[in-house]
PDB file of N, CA and C in Angstrom:
ATOM      1  N   MET A   1      30.216 -15.862  25.158  1.00  0.00           N
ATOM      2  CA  MET A   1      29.373 -15.918  24.076  1.00  0.00           C
ATOM      3  C   MET A   1      28.369 -16.810  23.599  1.00  0.00           C
ATOM      4  N   GLN A   2      28.222 -17.598  24.211  1.00  0.00           N
ATOM      5  CA  GLN A   2      26.707 -18.238  24.705  1.00  0.00           C
ATOM      6  C   GLN A   2      25.556 -17.162  25.036  1.00  0.00           C
ATOM      7  N   GLN A   3      25.795 -16.538  25.728  1.00  0.00           N
ATOM      8  CA  GLN A   3      25.331 -15.536  26.467  1.00  0.00           C
ATOM      9  C   GLN A   3      25.211 -14.590  25.518  1.00  0.00           C
ATOM     10  N   ALA A   4      25.374 -13.791  24.861  1.00  0.00           N
ATOM     11  CA  ALA A   4      25.234 -13.232  23.577  1.00  0.00           C
ATOM     12  C   ALA A   4      23.811 -13.515  22.596  1.00  0.00           C
ATOM     13  N   GLN A   5      24.433 -15.042  22.465  1.00  0.00           N
ATOM     14  CA  GLN A   5      23.639 -15.925  21.746  1.00  0.00           C
ATOM     15  C   GLN A   5      22.330 -15.845  21.942  1.00  0.00           C
ATOM     16  N   HIS A   6      22.028 -16.078  23.101  1.00  0.00           N
ATOM     17  CA  HIS A   6      20.686 -16.457  24.016  1.00  0.00           C
ATOM     18  C   HIS A   6      20.119 -15.230  24.447  1.00  0.00           C
ATOM     19  N   ALA A   7      20.873 -14.111  24.531  1.00  0.00           N
ATOM     20  CA  ALA A   7      20.451 -12.503  24.743  1.00  0.00           C
ATOM     21  C   ALA A   7      19.640 -12.086  23.035  1.00  0.00           C
ATOM     22  N   TYR A   8      20.564 -12.494  21.720  1.00  0.00           N
ATOM     23  CA  TYR A   8      19.836 -12.144  20.659  1.00  0.00           C
ATOM     24  C   TYR A   8      18.333 -12.761  20.757  1.00  0.00           C
ATOM     25  N   ALA A   9      18.625 -14.364  20.533  1.00  0.00           N
ATOM     26  CA  ALA A   9      17.752 -15.227  20.573  1.00  0.00           C
ATOM     27  C   ALA A   9      16.205 -14.960  21.074  1.00  0.00           C
ATOM     28  N   THR A  10      16.446 -14.378  22.358  1.00  0.00           N
ATOM     29  CA  THR A  10      15.309 -14.327  23.436  1.00  0.00           C
ATOM     30  C   THR A  10      14.256 -12.783  22.470  1.00  0.00           C
ATOM     31  N   ALA A  11      15.074 -12.047  22.121  1.00  0.00           N
ATOM     32  CA  ALA A  11      14.807 -10.618  21.329  1.00  0.00           C
ATOM     33  C   ALA A  11      14.108 -10.599  20.091  1.00  0.00           C
ATOM     34  N   SER A  12      14.342 -11.859  19.661  1.00  0.00           N
ATOM     35  CA  SER A  12      13.884 -12.200  18.324  1.00  0.00           C
ATOM     36  C   SER A  12      12.010 -11.217  18.404  1.00  0.00           C
ATOM     37  N   ILE A  13      11.465 -10.678  17.546  1.00  0.00           N
ATOM     38  CA  ILE A  13      10.437 -10.283  17.349  1.00  0.00           C
ATOM     39  C   ILE A  13       9.868 -11.021  16.429  1.00  0.00           C
ATOM     40  N   PRO A  14       8.433 -11.394  16.789  1.00  0.00           N
ATOM     41  CA  PRO A  14       7.716 -12.349  16.482  1.00  0.00           C
ATOM     42  C   PRO A  14       7.110 -11.856  14.979  1.00  0.00           C
ATOM     43  N   ALA A  15       7.194 -12.828  13.909  1.00  0.00           N
ATOM     44  CA  ALA A  15       6.900 -12.159  12.581  1.00  0.00           C
ATOM     45  C   ALA A  15       5.582 -12.449  12.767  1.00  0.00           C
ATOM     46  N   LYS A  16       5.221 -11.114  11.347  1.00  0.00           N
ATOM     47  CA  LYS A  16       3.353 -10.908  11.303  1.00  0.00           C
ATOM     48  C   LYS A  16       3.074 -11.435   9.881  1.00  0.00           C
ATOM     49  N   PRO A  17       1.731 -11.959  10.005  1.00  0.00           N
ATOM     50  CA  PRO A  17       1.534 -12.272   8.251  1.00  0.00           C
ATOM     51  C   PRO A  17       1.682 -11.746   7.246  1.00  0.00           C
ATOM     52  N   ASP A  18       1.882 -11.910   6.164  1.00  0.00           N
ATOM     53  CA  ASP A  18       2.177 -11.144   4.896  1.00  0.00           C
ATOM     54  C   ASP A  18       0.720  -9.865   5.009  1.00  0.00           C
ATOM     55  N   ARG A  19      -0.138 -10.777   4.880  1.00  0.00           N
ATOM     56  CA  ARG A  19      -1.378  -9.936   5.199  1.00  0.00           C
ATOM     57  C   ARG A  19      -1.337  -8.584   5.873  1.00  0.00           C
ATOM     58  N   ALA A  20      -1.021  -8.973   7.305  1.00  0.00           N
ATOM     59  CA  ALA A  20      -1.176  -8.010   8.358  1.00  0.00           C
ATOM     60  C   ALA A  20      -0.121  -7.051   8.146  1.00  0.00           C
ATOM     61  N   LEU A  21       1.498  -7.580   7.298  1.00  0.00           N
ATOM     62  CA  LEU A  21       2.297  -6.738   6.815  1.00  0.00           C
ATOM     63  C   LEU A  21       1.705  -5.916   5.188  1.00  0.00           C
ATOM     64  N   GLU A  22       1.233  -6.626   4.617  1.00  0.00           N
ATOM     65  CA  GLU A  22       0.521  -5.707   3.611  1.00  0.00           C
ATOM     66  C   GLU A  22      -0.501  -4.570   4.080  1.00  0.00           C
ATOM     67  N   TYR A  23      -1.513  -4.711   5.126  1.00  0.00           N
ATOM     68  CA  TYR A  23      -2.082  -3.895   5.299  1.00  0.00           C
ATOM     69  C   TYR A  23      -1.468  -3.049   6.579  1.00  0.00           C
ATOM     70  N   ASP A  24      -0.726  -3.169   6.933  1.00  0.00           N
ATOM     71  CA  ASP A  24       0.047  -1.927   7.480  1.00  0.00           C
ATOM     72  C   ASP A  24       0.767  -1.226   6.094  1.00  0.00           C
ATOM     73  N   VAL A  25       1.350  -1.397   6.037  1.00  0.00           N
ATOM     74  CA  VAL A  25       2.238  -0.675   4.759  1.00  0.00           C
ATOM     75  C   VAL A  25       1.311   0.099   4.288  1.00  0.00           C
ATOM     76  N   ILE A  26      -0.051  -0.154   3.916  1.00  0.00           N
ATOM     77  CA  ILE A  26      -1.082   0.455   3.102  1.00  0.00           C
ATOM     78  C   ILE A  26      -1.930   1.527   3.873  1.00  0.00           C
ATOM     79  N   ALA A  27      -1.982   0.863   5.180  1.00  0.00           N
ATOM     80  CA  ALA A  27      -2.233   1.992   6.062  1.00  0.00           C
ATOM     81  C   ALA A  27      -1.834   3.407   6.877  1.00  0.00           C
ATOM     82  N   GLN A  28      -0.262   3.052   6.459  1.00  0.00           N
ATOM     83  CA  GLN A  28       0.797   4.246   6.321  1.00  0.00           C
ATOM     84  C   GLN A  28       0.817   4.615   5.268  1.00  0.00           C
ATOM     85  N   ALA A  29       0.493   4.173   4.399  1.00  0.00           N
ATOM     86  CA  ALA A  29       0.367   5.254   3.067  1.00  0.00           C
ATOM     87  C   ALA A  29      -1.245   6.224   3.290  1.00  0.00           C
ATOM     88  N   THR A  30      -2.326   5.162   3.111  1.00  0.00           N
ATOM     89  CA  THR A  30      -3.089   6.130   3.560  1.00  0.00           C
ATOM     90  C   THR A  30      -3.524   7.046   4.301  1.00  0.00           C
ATOM     91  N   SER A  31      -2.754   7.089   5.455  1.00  0.00           N
ATOM     92  CA  SER A  31      -2.955   7.809   6.791  1.00  0.00           C
ATOM     93  C   SER A  31      -2.224   9.364   5.950  1.00  0.00           C
ATOM     94  N   LYS A  32      -1.024   9.012   5.238  1.00  0.00           N
ATOM     95  CA  LYS A  32      -0.581  10.180   4.722  1.00  0.00           C
ATOM     96  C   LYS A  32      -1.362  10.872   3.962  1.00  0.00           C
ATOM     97  N   LEU A  33      -2.248  10.058   2.991  1.00  0.00           N
ATOM     98  CA  LEU A  33      -3.071  10.491   1.502  1.00  0.00           C
ATOM     99  C   LEU A  33      -3.663  11.380   2.089  1.00  0.00           C
ATOM    100  N   LYS A  34      -4.591  10.907   3.664  1.00  0.00           N
ATOM    101  CA  LYS A  34      -5.648  11.819   4.534  1.00  0.00           C
ATOM    102  C   LYS A  34      -5.183  13.071   4.539  1.00  0.00           C
ATOM    103  N   ALA A  35      -3.623  13.075   5.283  1.00  0.00           N
ATOM    104  CA  ALA A  35      -3.356  13.792   5.413  1.00  0.00           C
ATOM    105  C   ALA A  35      -2.671  15.000   4.697  1.00  0.00           C
ATOM    106  N   ALA A  36      -2.400  14.411   3.235  1.00  0.00           N
ATOM    107  CA  ALA A  36      -2.087  15.410   2.037  1.00  0.00           C
ATOM    108  C   ALA A  36      -3.255  15.674   1.620  1.00  0.00           C
ATOM    109  N   ALA A  37      -4.578  15.462   2.182  1.00  0.00           N
ATOM    110  CA  ALA A  37      -5.902  15.563   1.269  1.00  0.00           C
ATOM    111  C   ALA A  37      -6.214  16.866   2.296  1.00  0.00           C
ATOM    112  N   ASN A  38      -5.718  17.276   3.338  1.00  0.00           N
ATOM    113  CA  ASN A  38      -5.755  18.966   4.238  1.00  0.00           C
ATOM    114  C   ASN A  38      -5.015  20.064   3.322  1.00  0.00           C
ATOM    115  N   SER A  39      -6.282  20.555   3.104  1.00  0.00           N
ATOM    116  CA  SER A  39      -5.248  21.450   2.300  1.00  0.00           C
ATOM    117  C   SER A  39      -4.015  22.815   2.822  1.00  0.00           C
ATOM    118  N   ALA A  40      -4.159  22.370   4.071  1.00  0.00           N
ATOM    119  CA  ALA A  40      -2.885  23.291   4.536  1.00  0.00           C
ATOM    120  C   ALA A  40      -1.407  22.951   4.251  1.00  0.00           C
ATOM    121  N   THR A  41      -1.751  20.912   3.550  1.00  0.00           N
ATOM    122  CA  THR A  41      -0.244  20.570   3.342  1.00  0.00           C
ATOM    123  C   THR A  41       0.210  21.070   1.990  1.00  0.00           C
ATOM    124  N   SER A  42       1.494  21.500   2.025  1.00  0.00           N
ATOM    125  CA  SER A  42       2.446  22.047   0.922  1.00  0.00           C
ATOM    126  C   SER A  42       2.300  21.395  -0.113  1.00  0.00           C
ATOM    127  N   PHE A  43       2.630  21.946  -1.233  1.00  0.00           N
ATOM    128  CA  PHE A  43       2.603  21.080  -2.709  1.00  0.00           C
ATOM    129  C   PHE A  43       3.738  19.644  -2.777  1.00  0.00           C
ATOM    130  N   PRO A  44       4.955  20.397  -2.298  1.00  0.00           N
ATOM    131  CA  PRO A  44       5.988  19.435  -2.099  1.00  0.00           C
ATOM    132  C   PRO A  44       5.644  18.348  -1.513  1.00  0.00           C
ATOM    133  N   GLU A  45       5.238  18.175  -0.017  1.00  0.00           N
ATOM    134  CA  GLU A  45       4.781  17.369   0.439  1.00  0.00           C
ATOM    135  C   GLU A  45       3.276  16.610   0.122  1.00  0.00           C
ATOM    136  N   ARG A  46       2.657  17.106  -0.620  1.00  0.00           N
ATOM    137  CA  ARG A  46       1.120  16.810  -1.248  1.00  0.00           C
ATOM    138  C   ARG A  46       2.246  15.359  -2.197  1.00  0.00           C
ATOM    139  N   VAL A  47       2.919  16.647  -3.159  1.00  0.00           N
ATOM    140  CA  VAL A  47       3.141  15.436  -4.480  1.00  0.00           C
ATOM    141  C   VAL A  47       4.187  14.537  -3.824  1.00  0.00           C
ATOM    142  N   ALA A  48       4.573  14.411  -2.556  1.00  0.00           N
ATOM    143  CA  ALA A  48       5.402  13.395  -2.145  1.00  0.00           C
ATOM    144  C   ALA A  48       4.487  12.342  -1.538  1.00  0.00           C
ATOM    145  N   THR A  49       3.721  12.790  -0.982  1.00  0.00           N
ATOM    146  CA  THR A  49       2.572  11.359  -0.825  1.00  0.00           C
ATOM    147  C   THR A  49       2.285  11.094  -1.550  1.00  0.00           C
ATOM    148  N   ILE A  50       1.623  11.319  -2.769  1.00  0.00           N
ATOM    149  CA  ILE A  50       1.367  10.817  -3.714  1.00  0.00           C
ATOM    150  C   ILE A  50       2.367   9.897  -4.589  1.00  0.00           C
ATOM    151  N   GLU A  51       3.711  10.085  -4.646  1.00  0.00           N
ATOM    152  CA  GLU A  51       4.638   9.919  -5.442  1.00  0.00           C
ATOM    153  C   GLU A  51       4.866   8.281  -4.056  1.00  0.00           C
ATOM    154  N   LEU A  52       5.089   8.581  -3.297  1.00  0.00           N
ATOM    155  CA  LEU A  52       4.771   7.141  -2.089  1.00  0.00           C
ATOM    156  C   LEU A  52       3.885   6.374  -2.503  1.00  0.00           C
ATOM    157  N   ASN A  53       2.664   6.808  -2.516  1.00  0.00           N
ATOM    158  CA  ASN A  53       1.015   6.088  -2.675  1.00  0.00           C
ATOM    159  C   ASN A  53       1.512   4.990  -3.782  1.00  0.00           C
ATOM    160  N   ARG A  54       2.468   6.259  -5.165  1.00  0.00           N
ATOM    161  CA  ARG A  54       2.449   5.495  -6.506  1.00  0.00           C
ATOM    162  C   ARG A  54       3.536   4.191  -6.442  1.00  0.00           C
ATOM    163  N   ARG A  55       4.161   4.471  -5.988  1.00  0.00           N
ATOM    164  CA  ARG A  55       5.645   3.700  -5.796  1.00  0.00           C
ATOM    165  C   ARG A  55       4.643   2.344  -4.886  1.00  0.00           C
ATOM    166  N   LEU A  56       4.064   2.399  -3.700  1.00  0.00           N
ATOM    167  CA  LEU A  56       3.417   0.920  -3.148  1.00  0.00           C
ATOM    168  C   LEU A  56       2.766   0.659  -4.356  1.00  0.00           C
ATOM    169  N   TRP A  57       1.634   1.364  -5.084  1.00  0.00           N
ATOM    170  CA  TRP A  57       0.773   0.411  -6.157  1.00  0.00           C
ATOM    171  C   TRP A  57       2.045   0.021  -7.061  1.00  0.00           C
ATOM    172  N   THR A  58       3.301   0.494  -7.691  1.00  0.00           N
ATOM    173  CA  THR A  58       3.951  -0.098  -8.299  1.00  0.00           C
ATOM    174  C   THR A  58       4.670  -1.359  -8.116  1.00  0.00           C
ATOM    175  N   VAL A  59       4.885  -1.649  -6.827  1.00  0.00           N
ATOM    176  CA  VAL A  59       5.124  -2.994  -6.131  1.00  0.00           C
ATOM    177  C   VAL A  59       3.888  -4.085  -5.812  1.00  0.00           C
ATOM    178  N   ILE A  60       2.973  -3.377  -5.555  1.00  0.00           N
ATOM    179  CA  ILE A  60       1.964  -4.405  -6.210  1.00  0.00           C
ATOM    180  C   ILE A  60       1.505  -5.185  -7.435  1.00  0.00           C
ATOM    181  N   ALA A  61       1.813  -3.941  -8.067  1.00  0.00           N
ATOM    182  CA  ALA A  61       1.474  -4.392  -9.852  1.00  0.00           C
ATOM    183  C   ALA A  61       2.779  -5.619  -9.605  1.00  0.00           C
ATOM    184  N   THR A  62       4.074  -5.217  -9.557  1.00  0.00           N
ATOM    185  CA  THR A  62       4.732  -6.074 -10.233  1.00  0.00           C
ATOM    186  C   THR A  62       4.729  -7.255  -9.409  1.00  0.00           C
ATOM    187  N   SER A  63       4.127  -7.241  -8.078  1.00  0.00           N
ATOM    188  CA  SER A  63       3.964  -8.740  -7.265  1.00  0.00           C
ATOM    189  C   SER A  63       2.944  -9.463  -8.005  1.00  0.00           C
ATOM    190  N   VAL A  64       1.625  -8.612  -8.250  1.00  0.00           N
ATOM    191  CA  VAL A  64       0.323  -9.454  -8.605  1.00  0.00           C
ATOM    192  C   VAL A  64       1.302 -10.069 -10.859  1.00  0.00           C
ATOM    193  N   ALA A  65       2.043  -9.075 -11.036  1.00  0.00           N
ATOM    194  CA  ALA A  65       2.633  -9.844 -12.466  1.00  0.00           C
ATOM    195  C   ALA A  65       2.938 -10.830 -12.388  1.00  0.00           C
ATOM    196  N   ASP A  66       3.932 -10.892 -11.059  1.00  0.00           N
ATOM    197  CA  ASP A  66       4.983 -12.230 -11.410  1.00  0.00           C
ATOM    198  C   ASP A  66       4.327 -13.438 -11.449  1.00  0.00           C
ATOM    199  N   ALA A  67       4.959 -14.590 -12.464  1.00  0.00           N
ATOM    200  CA  ALA A  67       4.431 -15.661 -12.158  1.00  0.00           C
ATOM    201  C   ALA A  67       4.061 -16.840 -11.244  1.00  0.00           C
ATOM    202  N   GLN A  68       5.039 -16.595 -10.013  1.00  0.00           N
ATOM    203  CA  GLN A  68       4.884 -17.024  -8.811  1.00  0.00           C
ATOM    204  C   GLN A  68       3.869 -16.762  -7.800  1.00  0.00           C
ATOM    205  N   ASN A  69       3.029 -15.792  -8.567  1.00  0.00           N
ATOM    206  CA  ASN A  69       2.200 -15.256  -7.340  1.00  0.00           C
ATOM    207  C   ASN A  69       0.796 -15.927  -7.573  1.00  0.00           C
ATOM    208  N   SER A  70       0.842 -16.418  -6.438  1.00  0.00           N
ATOM    209  CA  SER A  70      -0.908 -17.060  -5.838  1.00  0.00           C
ATOM    210  C   SER A  70      -2.155 -16.900  -5.936  1.00  0.00           C
ATOM    211  N   LEU A  71      -2.053 -15.664  -6.362  1.00  0.00           N
ATOM    212  CA  LEU A  71      -3.455 -15.153  -6.297  1.00  0.00           C
ATOM    213  C   LEU A  71      -4.279 -15.350  -7.463  1.00  0.00           C
ATOM    214  N   PRO A  72      -5.743 -15.846  -7.187  1.00  0.00           N
ATOM    215  CA  PRO A  72      -6.521 -16.171  -8.168  1.00  0.00           C
ATOM    216  C   PRO A  72      -6.059 -15.104  -9.210  1.00  0.00           C
ATOM    217  N   PRO A  73      -6.522 -15.327 -10.370  1.00  0.00           N
ATOM    218  CA  PRO A  73      -5.779 -14.221 -11.477  1.00  0.00           C
ATOM    219  C   PRO A  73      -6.643 -13.011 -11.895  1.00  0.00           C
ATOM    220  N   GLU A  74      -8.301 -13.731 -11.700  1.00  0.00           N
ATOM    221  CA  GLU A  74      -9.196 -12.049 -11.438  1.00  0.00           C
ATOM    222  C   GLU A  74      -9.103 -11.449 -10.665  1.00  0.00           C
ATOM    223  N   LEU A  75      -8.141 -11.566  -9.452  1.00  0.00           N
ATOM    224  CA  LEU A  75      -7.968 -10.499  -8.123  1.00  0.00           C
ATOM    225  C   LEU A  75      -6.680 -10.005  -9.056  1.00  0.00           C
ATOM    226  N   LYS A  76      -5.663 -10.572  -9.363  1.00  0.00           N
ATOM    227  CA  LYS A  76      -4.247 -10.373  -9.867  1.00  0.00           C
ATOM    228  C   LYS A  76      -5.139  -9.240 -10.859  1.00  0.00           C
ATOM    229  N   ALA A  77      -5.779  -9.562 -11.470  1.00  0.00           N
ATOM    230  CA  ALA A  77      -6.191  -8.453 -12.918  1.00  0.00           C
ATOM    231  C   ALA A  77      -6.587  -7.215 -12.438  1.00  0.00           C
ATOM    232  N   GLN A  78      -7.838  -7.649 -10.890  1.00  0.00           N
ATOM    233  CA  GLN A  78      -8.382  -6.480 -10.284  1.00  0.00           C
ATOM    234  C   GLN A  78      -7.048  -5.522  -9.753  1.00  0.00           C
ATOM    235  N   LEU A  79      -6.550  -5.965  -9.489  1.00  0.00           N
ATOM    236  CA  LEU A  79      -5.288  -5.374  -8.840  1.00  0.00           C
ATOM    237  C   LEU A  79      -4.483  -4.503  -9.547  1.00  0.00           C
ATOM    238  N   PHE A  80      -4.467  -5.344 -10.562  1.00  0.00           N
ATOM    239  CA  PHE A  80      -3.358  -4.069 -11.769  1.00  0.00           C
ATOM    240  C   PHE A  80      -4.062  -3.148 -12.232  1.00  0.00           C
ATOM    241  N   PHE A  81      -5.466  -3.373 -12.689  1.00  0.00           N
ATOM    242  CA  PHE A  81      -6.310  -2.180 -12.840  1.00  0.00           C
ATOM    243  C   PHE A  81      -6.491  -1.389 -11.936  1.00  0.00           C
ATOM    244  N   LEU A  82      -6.327  -1.589 -10.923  1.00  0.00           N
ATOM    245  CA  LEU A  82      -6.197  -0.343  -9.952  1.00  0.00           C
ATOM    246  C   LEU A  82      -5.028  -0.035  -9.730  1.00  0.00           C
ATOM    247  N   TYR A  83      -3.561  -0.447  -9.972  1.00  0.00           N
ATOM    248  CA  TYR A  83      -2.329  -0.179  -9.833  1.00  0.00           C
ATOM    249  C   TYR A  83      -3.036   1.023 -11.293  1.00  0.00           C
ATOM    250  N   GLU A  84      -3.342   0.959 -12.545  1.00  0.00           N
ATOM    251  CA  GLU A  84      -2.957   1.924 -13.620  1.00  0.00           C
ATOM    252  C   GLU A  84      -4.167   2.647 -13.180  1.00  0.00           C
ATOM    253  N   PHE A  85      -4.988   2.506 -12.478  1.00  0.00           N
ATOM    254  CA  PHE A  85      -5.936   3.842 -12.161  1.00  0.00           C
ATOM    255  C   PHE A  85      -5.267   4.749 -11.503  1.00  0.00           C
ATOM    256  N   THR A  86      -4.301   4.211 -10.422  1.00  0.00           N
ATOM    257  CA  THR A  86      -3.852   5.244  -9.460  1.00  0.00           C
ATOM    258  C   THR A  86      -2.610   5.830 -10.183  1.00  0.00           C
ATOM    259  N   VAL A  87      -1.982   5.190 -11.271  1.00  0.00           N
ATOM    260  CA  VAL A  87      -0.612   6.366 -11.596  1.00  0.00           C
ATOM    261  C   VAL A  87      -1.480   7.508 -12.282  1.00  0.00           C
ATOM    262  N   ASP A  88      -2.867   6.998 -13.216  1.00  0.00           N
ATOM    263  CA  ASP A  88      -3.146   7.993 -13.847  1.00  0.00           C
ATOM    264  C   ASP A  88      -3.909   9.030 -12.911  1.00  0.00           C
ATOM    265  N   HIS A  89      -4.851   8.359 -12.460  1.00  0.00           N
ATOM    266  CA  HIS A  89      -5.469   9.279 -11.387  1.00  0.00           C
ATOM    267  C   HIS A  89      -4.495  10.554 -10.283  1.00  0.00           C
ATOM    268  N   SER A  90      -3.268   9.898 -10.043  1.00  0.00           N
ATOM    269  CA  SER A  90      -2.477  10.861  -9.482  1.00  0.00           C
ATOM    270  C   SER A  90      -1.380  11.959 -10.023  1.00  0.00           C
ATOM    271  N   ARG A  91      -1.541  11.341 -11.454  1.00  0.00           N
ATOM    272  CA  ARG A  91      -0.917  12.679 -12.292  1.00  0.00           C
ATOM    273  C   ARG A  91      -1.928  13.542 -12.290  1.00  0.00           C
ATOM    274  N   LYS A  92      -3.246  13.366 -12.406  1.00  0.00           N
ATOM    275  CA  LYS A  92      -4.193  14.318 -12.488  1.00  0.00           C
ATOM    276  C   LYS A  92      -4.662  14.987 -11.242  1.00  0.00           C
ATOM    277  N   VAL A  93      -4.081  14.612  -9.525  1.00  0.00           N
ATOM    278  CA  VAL A  93      -4.286  14.899  -9.056  1.00  0.00           C
ATOM    279  C   VAL A  93      -2.957  16.021  -8.607  1.00  0.00           C
ATOM    280  N   ILE A  94      -2.095  15.998  -9.125  1.00  0.00           N
ATOM    281  CA  ILE A  94      -1.349  16.419  -8.554  1.00  0.00           C
ATOM    282  C   ILE A  94      -1.240  18.009  -9.990  1.00  0.00           C
ATOM    283  N   LYS A  95      -1.935  17.845 -10.823  1.00  0.00           N
ATOM    284  CA  LYS A  95      -1.561  18.768 -11.854  1.00  0.00           C
ATOM    285  C   LYS A  95      -3.183  19.944 -11.272  1.00  0.00           C
ATOM    286  N   GLY A  96      -3.729  19.096 -10.433  1.00  0.00           N
ATOM    287  CA  GLY A  96      -4.736  20.030  -9.677  1.00  0.00           C
ATOM    288  C   GLY A  96      -5.868  19.723 -10.745  1.00  0.00           C
ATOM    289  N   GLU A  97      -6.052  18.904 -11.340  1.00  0.00           N
ATOM    290  CA  GLU A  97      -7.350  18.379 -12.320  1.00  0.00           C
ATOM    291  C   GLU A  97      -8.291  17.244 -11.864  1.00  0.00           C
ATOM    292  N   ALA A  98      -7.783  17.036 -10.667  1.00  0.00           N
ATOM    293  CA  ALA A  98      -8.548  15.568  -9.923  1.00  0.00           C
ATOM    294  C   ALA A  98      -8.237  15.880  -8.135  1.00  0.00           C
ATOM    295  N   ASP A  99      -9.468  15.080  -7.562  1.00  0.00           N
ATOM    296  CA  ASP A  99      -9.349  15.129  -5.949  1.00  0.00           C
ATOM    297  C   ASP A  99      -8.588  13.737  -5.412  1.00  0.00           C
ATOM    298  N   ILE A 100      -8.089  13.824  -4.283  1.00  0.00           N
ATOM    299  CA  ILE A 100      -7.115  12.862  -4.074  1.00  0.00           C
ATOM    300  C   ILE A 100      -8.066  12.077  -3.202  1.00  0.00           C
ATOM    301  N   ALA A 101      -9.214  12.043  -2.750  1.00  0.00           N
ATOM    302  CA  ALA A 101     -10.542  11.174  -2.661  1.00  0.00           C
ATOM    303  C   ALA A 101     -10.420   9.541  -3.031  1.00  0.00           C
ATOM    304  N   PRO A 102     -10.503   9.572  -4.465  1.00  0.00           N
ATOM    305  CA  PRO A 102     -10.299   8.204  -4.947  1.00  0.00           C
ATOM    306  C   PRO A 102      -9.047   7.290  -4.545  1.00  0.00           C
ATOM    307  N   LEU A 103      -7.904   8.087  -4.453  1.00  0.00           N
ATOM    308  CA  LEU A 103      -7.348   7.522  -4.185  1.00  0.00           C
ATOM    309  C   LEU A 103      -6.358   6.502  -2.678  1.00  0.00           C
ATOM    310  N   ILE A 104      -7.781   7.580  -1.542  1.00  0.00           N
ATOM    311  CA  ILE A 104      -7.844   7.055  -0.157  1.00  0.00           C
ATOM    312  C   ILE A 104      -8.768   6.052  -0.244  1.00  0.00           C
ATOM    313  N   ASP A 105      -9.557   6.193  -1.290  1.00  0.00           N
ATOM    314  CA  ASP A 105     -10.757   4.754  -1.446  1.00  0.00           C
ATOM    315  C   ASP A 105     -10.227   3.517  -1.876  1.00  0.00           C
ATOM    316  N   ILE A 106      -9.341   3.700  -2.529  1.00  0.00           N
ATOM    317  CA  ILE A 106      -8.670   2.607  -2.881  1.00  0.00           C
ATOM    318  C   ILE A 106      -8.136   2.196  -1.879  1.00  0.00           C
ATOM    319  N   ASN A 107      -7.670   2.463  -2.026  1.00  0.00           N
ATOM    320  CA  ASN A 107      -6.544   2.240  -0.587  1.00  0.00           C
ATOM    321  C   ASN A 107      -7.145   1.459   0.510  1.00  0.00           C
ATOM    322  N   LEU A 108      -8.552   2.118   0.910  1.00  0.00           N
ATOM    323  CA  LEU A 108      -9.074   1.558   2.084  1.00  0.00           C
ATOM    324  C   LEU A 108     -10.056   0.602   2.033  1.00  0.00           C
ATOM    325  N   SER A 109     -10.500   0.567   0.541  1.00  0.00           N
ATOM    326  CA  SER A 109     -10.979  -1.260   0.329  1.00  0.00           C
ATOM    327  C   SER A 109     -10.173  -2.195   0.018  1.00  0.00           C
ATOM    328  N   VAL A 110      -8.878  -1.810  -0.667  1.00  0.00           N
ATOM    329  CA  VAL A 110      -7.778  -2.926  -0.145  1.00  0.00           C
ATOM    330  C   VAL A 110      -7.603  -3.197   1.537  1.00  0.00           C
ATOM    331  N   MET A 111      -7.141  -2.452   1.954  1.00  0.00           N
ATOM    332  CA  MET A 111      -7.323  -2.383   3.057  1.00  0.00           C
ATOM    333  C   MET A 111      -8.664  -3.503   4.000  1.00  0.00           C
ATOM    334  N   ARG A 112      -9.768  -3.106   3.535  1.00  0.00           N
ATOM    335  CA  ARG A 112     -10.841  -3.573   3.757  1.00  0.00           C
ATOM    336  C   ARG A 112     -11.060  -5.333   3.496  1.00  0.00           C
ATOM    337  N   GLY A 113     -10.140  -5.802   2.450  1.00  0.00           N
ATOM    338  CA  GLY A 113     -10.183  -7.062   1.480  1.00  0.00           C
ATOM    339  C   GLY A 113      -9.298  -7.424   2.485  1.00  0.00           C
ATOM    340  N   LEU A 114      -7.984  -6.843   2.711  1.00  0.00           N
ATOM    341  CA  LEU A 114      -7.106  -7.688   3.391  1.00  0.00           C
ATOM    342  C   LEU A 114      -6.802  -8.141   4.975  1.00  0.00           C
ATOM    343  N   LYS A 115      -8.379  -7.458   5.383  1.00  0.00           N
ATOM    344  CA  LYS A 115      -8.796  -8.097   6.945  1.00  0.00           C
ATOM    345  C   LYS A 115      -9.783  -8.846   6.388  1.00  0.00           C
ATOM    346  N   ALA A 116     -10.638  -9.089   5.887  1.00  0.00           N
ATOM    347  CA  ALA A 116     -11.326  -9.837   5.629  1.00  0.00           C
ATOM    348  C   ALA A 116     -10.529 -11.412   5.538  1.00  0.00           C
ATOM    349  N   GLU A 117     -11.791 -12.288   6.081  1.00  0.00           N
ATOM    350  CA  GLU A 117     -10.952 -13.587   6.010  1.00  0.00           C
ATOM    351  C   GLU A 117     -10.691 -14.314   5.039  1.00  0.00           C
ATOM    352  N   PRO A 118      -9.413 -14.514   4.908  1.00  0.00           N
ATOM    353  CA  PRO A 118      -8.421 -15.881   3.709  1.00  0.00           C
ATOM    354  C   PRO A 118      -9.691 -16.575   3.281  1.00  0.00           C
ATOM    355  N   LEU A 119      -9.852 -16.765   2.141  1.00  0.00           N
ATOM    356  CA  LEU A 119     -10.549 -17.700   1.482  1.00  0.00           C
ATOM    357  C   LEU A 119      -9.745 -19.359   1.564  1.00  0.00           C
ATOM    358  N   LEU A 120     -10.504 -20.352   1.890  1.00  0.00           N
ATOM    359  CA  LEU A 120     -10.101 -21.418   2.141  1.00  0.00           C
ATOM    360  C   LEU A 120     -10.018 -22.714   0.945  1.00  0.00           C
TER     361      LEU A 120
END
């Protein structure tokens, strides 16, 4: 039994910092958005990708609205505004009334912010 416990203990994966995990999730969604921007992408695939990104932004909005969130109030407000824009713009993209590029740009901007050195 001890051998099994030891094997599992040594196989543990080091945890990534929260910022790195957030970056990875947004990077994955952004990669999918970039692929969906290709005109060869089918409409259902494009809608699914936009919906995935919208759900990601819903999680972000829920997080910044939480009273336990320790981000500065101004940053929380900015992120919530980006959520509102993303939801509205996503509808327009699906209807064919807007381009997907602003959704990609927003995600890339947030990724740059996550890569920046944290404020001390």
